[in-house]
Amino acid sequence: MSNGSQPNVQDVIDYENGDMDWDRIVDFFQNLIDSEASCLDDEDGDYAIMVRSLIVDGYCESKEVK
């Protein structure tokens, strides 16, 4: 990932606190993918693992697919 964008802080807080419904979670992670967020740089990190799961399950699209 090249540009190292950072996610919206309130979204991160809401996600970490379990305060997001499913649709908002999917939107949150799709936005992370689209912005090439630096939190996805660690392939073994929780966010990267969640992104891979959402892509495999068809909820999100990888940047290459779009």
Protein backbone atom coordinates (compact mmCIF):
# COMPACT_ATOMS: atom_id res chain seq x y z
CA MET A 1 0.00 0.00 0.00
CA SER A 2 1.42 3.17 -1.12
CA ASN A 3 -0.18 6.30 0.26
CA GLY A 4 -0.56 5.34 3.92
CA SER A 5 -3.91 7.02 4.50
CA GLN A 6 -5.31 6.86 7.99
CA PRO A 7 -8.92 5.90 8.80
CA ASN A 8 -11.38 8.23 10.48
CA VAL A 9 -10.57 8.10 14.21
CA GLN A 10 -14.22 7.95 15.30
CA ASP A 11 -14.82 5.00 12.97
CA VAL A 12 -11.89 3.17 14.54
CA ILE A 13 -13.19 3.89 18.03
CA ASP A 14 -16.70 2.76 17.12
CA TYR A 15 -15.39 -0.43 15.48
CA GLU A 16 -13.10 -1.27 18.39
CA ASN A 17 -15.94 -0.65 20.88
CA GLY A 18 -18.37 -2.82 18.92
CA ASP A 19 -20.60 0.17 18.15
CA MET A 20 -21.03 -0.51 14.41
CA ASP A 21 -23.79 -2.46 12.70
CA TRP A 22 -22.81 -4.90 9.96
CA ASP A 23 -23.38 -2.51 7.05
CA ARG A 24 -21.23 0.14 8.68
CA ILE A 25 -18.47 -2.41 9.33
CA VAL A 26 -18.47 -3.40 5.67
CA ASP A 27 -18.39 0.27 4.58
CA PHE A 28 -15.61 1.00 7.07
CA PHE A 29 -13.40 -1.80 5.76
CA GLN A 30 -14.19 -1.05 2.10
CA ASN A 31 -13.09 2.54 2.76
CA LEU A 32 -9.86 1.22 4.29
CA ILE A 33 -9.26 -0.85 1.17
CA ASP A 34 -10.08 2.02 -1.19
CA SER A 35 -7.81 4.47 0.63
CA GLU A 36 -4.96 1.95 1.01
CA ALA A 37 -4.93 2.68 4.73
CA SER A 38 -1.57 2.11 6.39
CA CYS A 39 -3.24 -0.03 9.09
CA LEU A 40 -3.50 -2.74 6.40
CA ASP A 41 0.26 -2.81 5.77
CA ASP A 42 0.80 -5.49 8.42
CA GLU A 43 -0.54 -8.58 6.66
CA ASP A 44 -0.87 -10.40 9.99
CA GLY A 45 -2.66 -7.51 11.71
CA ASP A 46 -6.28 -7.76 12.82
CA TYR A 47 -7.52 -5.24 10.26
CA ALA A 48 -5.75 -6.90 7.33
CA ILE A 49 -7.09 -10.29 8.39
CA MET A 50 -10.62 -8.87 8.59
CA VAL A 51 -10.24 -7.28 5.14
CA ARG A 52 -9.14 -10.59 3.62
CA SER A 53 -12.10 -12.34 5.22
CA LEU A 54 -14.57 -9.73 3.94
CA ILE A 55 -13.12 -9.98 0.42
CA VAL A 56 -13.18 -13.78 0.39
CA ASP A 57 -16.76 -13.80 1.70
CA GLY A 58 -17.83 -11.31 -0.99
CA TYR A 59 -18.68 -8.34 1.26
CA CYS A 60 -15.81 -6.13 0.03
CA GLU A 61 -13.86 -5.80 -3.20
CA SER A 62 -10.12 -5.60 -3.42
CA LYS A 63 -8.70 -2.49 -5.00
CA GLU A 64 -7.52 -4.50 -8.00
CA VAL A 65 -11.06 -5.78 -8.69
CA LYS A 66 -12.67 -2.35 -8.67
